[in-house]
Amino acid sequence: MLLQKGRMRIPKTWVPLMAKKIVDNIISKNLVKPTVQIEKLLSKTEEIIMHELTVEDRLNEEIREILKKHSLEIQQGRLDYRKLFDLTKQKLVKERNIIL
């Protein structure tokens, strides 16, 4: 599975490696002193990275669900799906302060 963030694709298998690199780096620079087991810290870091990498996918799915309510108008050509999708996405990104 490849995760898409913007235009960059990141293989899902890289997430544990990225998490380890991040955790090792912040610990080695004494930026944090872990108070939990490293395995737990790595697991939580992986979870956070996955969440961030899939934010746009989740947003797109939410927009598709919203636009289903207007499917008749879209099918009849009264509304342009792509334009409506983009406008809805821009609105939600701005309202929610989402960084894509």
N, C-alpha and C. Protein backbone atom coordinates (compact mmCIF):
# COMPACT_ATOMS: atom_id res chain seq x y z
N MET A 1 0.84 -1.18 0.00
CA MET A 1 0.00 0.00 0.00
C MET A 1 0.88 1.24 0.00
N LEU A 2 0.55 2.17 -0.85
CA LEU A 2 1.26 3.45 -0.87
C LEU A 2 0.34 4.52 -0.32
N LEU A 3 0.88 5.32 0.56
CA LEU A 3 0.13 6.43 1.11
C LEU A 3 0.50 7.66 0.32
N GLN A 4 -0.49 8.47 0.01
CA GLN A 4 -0.21 9.66 -0.76
C GLN A 4 -0.35 10.88 0.12
N LYS A 5 0.67 11.67 0.15
CA LYS A 5 0.66 12.93 0.89
C LYS A 5 1.04 13.99 -0.11
N GLY A 6 0.06 14.82 -0.48
CA GLY A 6 0.33 15.77 -1.55
C GLY A 6 0.61 14.98 -2.81
N ARG A 7 1.76 15.15 -3.38
CA ARG A 7 2.14 14.41 -4.58
C ARG A 7 3.16 13.31 -4.27
N MET A 8 3.63 13.28 -3.05
CA MET A 8 4.65 12.30 -2.68
C MET A 8 3.98 11.02 -2.19
N ARG A 9 4.43 9.91 -2.70
CA ARG A 9 3.90 8.63 -2.26
C ARG A 9 4.89 8.00 -1.29
N ILE A 10 4.36 7.53 -0.18
CA ILE A 10 5.19 6.91 0.85
C ILE A 10 4.68 5.50 1.09
N PRO A 11 5.54 4.50 0.88
CA PRO A 11 5.10 3.12 1.16
C PRO A 11 4.79 2.95 2.64
N LYS A 12 3.73 2.24 2.91
CA LYS A 12 3.31 2.00 4.30
C LYS A 12 4.44 1.33 5.10
N THR A 13 5.26 0.55 4.43
CA THR A 13 6.36 -0.14 5.12
C THR A 13 7.42 0.83 5.63
N TRP A 14 7.43 2.05 5.13
CA TRP A 14 8.40 3.03 5.59
C TRP A 14 8.02 3.66 6.93
N VAL A 15 6.76 3.59 7.29
CA VAL A 15 6.29 4.28 8.50
C VAL A 15 7.04 3.80 9.75
N PRO A 16 7.20 2.50 9.99
CA PRO A 16 7.98 2.08 11.17
C PRO A 16 9.42 2.59 11.13
N LEU A 17 10.01 2.61 9.95
CA LEU A 17 11.38 3.09 9.83
C LEU A 17 11.46 4.59 10.12
N MET A 18 10.48 5.34 9.62
CA MET A 18 10.43 6.78 9.88
C MET A 18 10.25 7.03 11.38
N ALA A 19 9.35 6.28 11.99
CA ALA A 19 9.08 6.45 13.43
C ALA A 19 10.34 6.17 14.25
N LYS A 20 11.03 5.10 13.90
CA LYS A 20 12.26 4.75 14.63
C LYS A 20 13.30 5.83 14.47
N LYS A 21 13.45 6.34 13.27
CA LYS A 21 14.43 7.40 13.01
C LYS A 21 14.10 8.65 13.83
N ILE A 22 12.84 9.02 13.85
CA ILE A 22 12.41 10.20 14.61
C ILE A 22 12.65 10.00 16.10
N VAL A 23 12.20 8.87 16.63
CA VAL A 23 12.35 8.60 18.07
C VAL A 23 13.83 8.53 18.46
N ASP A 24 14.61 7.79 17.68
CA ASP A 24 16.04 7.69 17.97
C ASP A 24 16.71 9.06 17.95
N ASN A 25 16.32 9.87 17.00
CA ASN A 25 16.92 11.19 16.84
C ASN A 25 16.60 12.11 18.03
N ILE A 26 15.33 12.16 18.42
CA ILE A 26 14.98 13.06 19.53
C ILE A 26 15.55 12.57 20.87
N ILE A 27 15.68 11.26 21.02
CA ILE A 27 16.26 10.72 22.25
C ILE A 27 17.77 10.97 22.27
N SER A 28 18.44 10.72 21.15
CA SER A 28 19.89 10.89 21.10
C SER A 28 20.31 12.35 21.29
N LYS A 29 19.44 13.28 20.93
CA LYS A 29 19.74 14.71 21.11
C LYS A 29 19.24 15.23 22.46
N ASN A 30 18.78 14.31 23.29
CA ASN A 30 18.28 14.66 24.63
C ASN A 30 17.15 15.69 24.58
N LEU A 31 16.33 15.61 23.53
CA LEU A 31 15.18 16.50 23.44
C LEU A 31 14.04 16.01 24.31
N VAL A 32 14.00 14.71 24.54
CA VAL A 32 13.02 14.11 25.44
C VAL A 32 13.69 12.99 26.22
N LYS A 33 13.11 12.71 27.36
CA LYS A 33 13.54 11.54 28.14
C LYS A 33 12.31 10.65 28.25
N PRO A 34 12.33 9.51 27.57
CA PRO A 34 11.13 8.65 27.56
C PRO A 34 10.75 8.19 28.97
N THR A 35 9.45 8.24 29.22
CA THR A 35 8.93 7.75 30.49
C THR A 35 8.10 6.48 30.27
N VAL A 36 8.05 6.02 29.03
CA VAL A 36 7.37 4.77 28.67
C VAL A 36 8.37 3.91 27.92
N GLN A 37 8.02 2.65 27.74
CA GLN A 37 8.89 1.75 26.99
C GLN A 37 9.04 2.26 25.56
N ILE A 38 10.22 2.06 25.01
CA ILE A 38 10.51 2.52 23.64
C ILE A 38 9.52 1.93 22.64
N GLU A 39 9.14 0.67 22.84
CA GLU A 39 8.20 0.02 21.92
C GLU A 39 6.87 0.78 21.89
N LYS A 40 6.42 1.21 23.04
CA LYS A 40 5.17 1.96 23.13
C LYS A 40 5.32 3.33 22.46
N LEU A 41 6.45 3.96 22.67
CA LEU A 41 6.73 5.26 22.05
C LEU A 41 6.79 5.12 20.53
N LEU A 42 7.43 4.06 20.05
CA LEU A 42 7.51 3.82 18.61
C LEU A 42 6.12 3.57 18.03
N SER A 43 5.34 2.78 18.72
CA SER A 43 3.99 2.46 18.25
C SER A 43 3.13 3.71 18.15
N LYS A 44 3.18 4.56 19.16
CA LYS A 44 2.39 5.80 19.16
C LYS A 44 2.89 6.74 18.06
N THR A 45 4.20 6.79 17.85
CA THR A 45 4.77 7.63 16.80
C THR A 45 4.31 7.15 15.42
N GLU A 46 4.31 5.84 15.21
CA GLU A 46 3.81 5.27 13.95
C GLU A 46 2.34 5.65 13.74
N GLU A 47 1.57 5.55 14.80
CA GLU A 47 0.13 5.88 14.73
C GLU A 47 -0.06 7.35 14.32
N ILE A 48 0.72 8.23 14.90
CA ILE A 48 0.63 9.66 14.59
C ILE A 48 1.02 9.91 13.13
N ILE A 49 2.09 9.28 12.68
CA ILE A 49 2.53 9.45 11.29
C ILE A 49 1.46 8.96 10.34
N MET A 50 0.90 7.78 10.59
CA MET A 50 -0.16 7.25 9.73
C MET A 50 -1.37 8.17 9.69
N HIS A 51 -1.72 8.70 10.84
CA HIS A 51 -2.85 9.62 10.91
C HIS A 51 -2.60 10.85 10.04
N GLU A 52 -1.42 11.41 10.13
CA GLU A 52 -1.08 12.59 9.34
C GLU A 52 -1.01 12.29 7.84
N LEU A 53 -0.50 11.12 7.50
CA LEU A 53 -0.36 10.76 6.08
C LEU A 53 -1.70 10.47 5.42
N THR A 54 -2.70 10.16 6.21
CA THR A 54 -4.00 9.81 5.64
C THR A 54 -5.07 10.88 5.84
N VAL A 55 -4.68 12.04 6.36
CA VAL A 55 -5.66 13.10 6.62
C VAL A 55 -6.38 13.53 5.33
N GLU A 56 -5.65 13.64 4.24
CA GLU A 56 -6.29 14.08 2.99
C GLU A 56 -7.22 13.01 2.45
N ASP A 57 -6.85 11.75 2.59
CA ASP A 57 -7.72 10.66 2.15
C ASP A 57 -9.05 10.67 2.92
N ARG A 58 -8.96 10.87 4.23
CA ARG A 58 -10.18 10.91 5.05
C ARG A 58 -11.03 12.11 4.69
N LEU A 59 -10.40 13.24 4.43
CA LEU A 59 -11.12 14.45 4.04
C LEU A 59 -11.82 14.22 2.70
N ASN A 60 -11.12 13.64 1.74
CA ASN A 60 -11.71 13.36 0.42
C ASN A 60 -12.92 12.45 0.54
N GLU A 61 -12.83 11.46 1.39
CA GLU A 61 -13.96 10.54 1.58
C GLU A 61 -15.15 11.27 2.19
N GLU A 62 -14.88 12.14 3.15
CA GLU A 62 -15.95 12.93 3.76
C GLU A 62 -16.63 13.82 2.71
N ILE A 63 -15.84 14.42 1.84
CA ILE A 63 -16.39 15.28 0.79
C ILE A 63 -17.25 14.46 -0.16
N ARG A 64 -16.81 13.27 -0.52
CA ARG A 64 -17.61 12.40 -1.40
C ARG A 64 -18.97 12.11 -0.77
N GLU A 65 -18.97 11.86 0.55
CA GLU A 65 -20.22 11.60 1.25
C GLU A 65 -21.13 12.84 1.23
N ILE A 66 -20.55 14.00 1.43
CA ILE A 66 -21.32 15.25 1.40
C ILE A 66 -21.93 15.44 0.01
N LEU A 67 -21.15 15.18 -1.03
CA LEU A 67 -21.62 15.43 -2.40
C LEU A 67 -22.66 14.40 -2.87
N LYS A 68 -22.73 13.27 -2.19
CA LYS A 68 -23.76 12.29 -2.54
C LYS A 68 -25.16 12.89 -2.39
N LYS A 69 -25.29 13.85 -1.48
CA LYS A 69 -26.57 14.50 -1.26
C LYS A 69 -27.00 15.33 -2.47
N HIS A 70 -26.05 15.66 -3.33
CA HIS A 70 -26.33 16.47 -4.51
C HIS A 70 -26.16 15.68 -5.80
N SER A 71 -26.19 14.37 -5.69
CA SER A 71 -25.90 13.52 -6.85
C SER A 71 -26.89 13.73 -8.01
N LEU A 72 -28.14 13.98 -7.71
CA LEU A 72 -29.13 14.19 -8.76
C LEU A 72 -28.79 15.43 -9.59
N GLU A 73 -28.49 16.54 -8.90
CA GLU A 73 -28.14 17.77 -9.61
C GLU A 73 -26.86 17.60 -10.41
N ILE A 74 -25.90 16.88 -9.83
CA ILE A 74 -24.63 16.64 -10.52
C ILE A 74 -24.87 15.80 -11.77
N GLN A 75 -25.66 14.73 -11.65
CA GLN A 75 -25.95 13.86 -12.78
C GLN A 75 -26.71 14.60 -13.87
N GLN A 76 -27.54 15.51 -13.49
CA GLN A 76 -28.33 16.26 -14.48
C GLN A 76 -27.53 17.41 -15.08
N GLY A 77 -26.29 17.55 -14.67
CA GLY A 77 -25.42 18.55 -15.26
C GLY A 77 -25.58 19.95 -14.71
N ARG A 78 -26.37 20.10 -13.68
CA ARG A 78 -26.56 21.44 -13.10
C ARG A 78 -25.38 21.85 -12.23
N LEU A 79 -24.65 20.87 -11.70
CA LEU A 79 -23.48 21.15 -10.87
C LEU A 79 -22.29 20.36 -11.41
N ASP A 80 -21.12 20.97 -11.40
CA ASP A 80 -19.89 20.32 -11.84
C ASP A 80 -19.25 19.63 -10.62
N TYR A 81 -19.16 18.29 -10.66
CA TYR A 81 -18.68 17.51 -9.52
C TYR A 81 -17.28 17.95 -9.11
N ARG A 82 -16.36 18.05 -10.06
CA ARG A 82 -14.97 18.38 -9.75
C ARG A 82 -14.87 19.76 -9.09
N LYS A 83 -15.59 20.71 -9.65
CA LYS A 83 -15.55 22.07 -9.10
C LYS A 83 -16.17 22.08 -7.69
N LEU A 84 -17.29 21.41 -7.54
CA LEU A 84 -17.95 21.33 -6.24
C LEU A 84 -17.06 20.63 -5.22
N PHE A 85 -16.39 19.57 -5.65
CA PHE A 85 -15.47 18.83 -4.79
C PHE A 85 -14.34 19.75 -4.31
N ASP A 86 -13.72 20.46 -5.27
CA ASP A 86 -12.61 21.35 -4.93
C ASP A 86 -13.04 22.49 -4.01
N LEU A 87 -14.20 23.08 -4.29
CA LEU A 87 -14.70 24.17 -3.44
C LEU A 87 -15.01 23.68 -2.03
N THR A 88 -15.62 22.52 -1.93
CA THR A 88 -15.93 21.94 -0.63
C THR A 88 -14.65 21.63 0.14
N LYS A 89 -13.68 21.09 -0.57
CA LYS A 89 -12.40 20.76 0.07
C LYS A 89 -11.71 22.03 0.57
N GLN A 90 -11.67 23.07 -0.24
CA GLN A 90 -11.06 24.33 0.17
C GLN A 90 -11.75 24.88 1.43
N LYS A 91 -13.08 24.80 1.43
CA LYS A 91 -13.85 25.32 2.57
C LYS A 91 -13.52 24.54 3.84
N LEU A 92 -13.52 23.21 3.76
CA LEU A 92 -13.25 22.39 4.94
C LEU A 92 -11.82 22.56 5.43
N VAL A 93 -10.88 22.64 4.50
CA VAL A 93 -9.47 22.83 4.87
C VAL A 93 -9.31 24.15 5.64
N LYS A 94 -9.95 25.18 5.14
CA LYS A 94 -9.86 26.49 5.79
C LYS A 94 -10.55 26.48 7.16
N GLU A 95 -11.77 25.94 7.21
CA GLU A 95 -12.53 25.88 8.47
C GLU A 95 -11.81 25.09 9.56
N ARG A 96 -11.16 24.02 9.15
CA ARG A 96 -10.53 23.11 10.11
C ARG A 96 -9.04 23.34 10.29
N ASN A 97 -8.51 24.33 9.58
CA ASN A 97 -7.06 24.61 9.64
C ASN A 97 -6.23 23.37 9.35
N ILE A 98 -6.61 22.65 8.30
CA ILE A 98 -5.91 21.43 7.91
C ILE A 98 -4.74 21.80 7.01
N ILE A 99 -3.60 21.19 7.28
CA ILE A 99 -2.44 21.39 6.42
C ILE A 99 -2.31 20.14 5.56
N LEU A 100 -2.36 20.34 4.25
CA LEU A 100 -2.24 19.22 3.32
C LEU A 100 -0.89 19.21 2.65
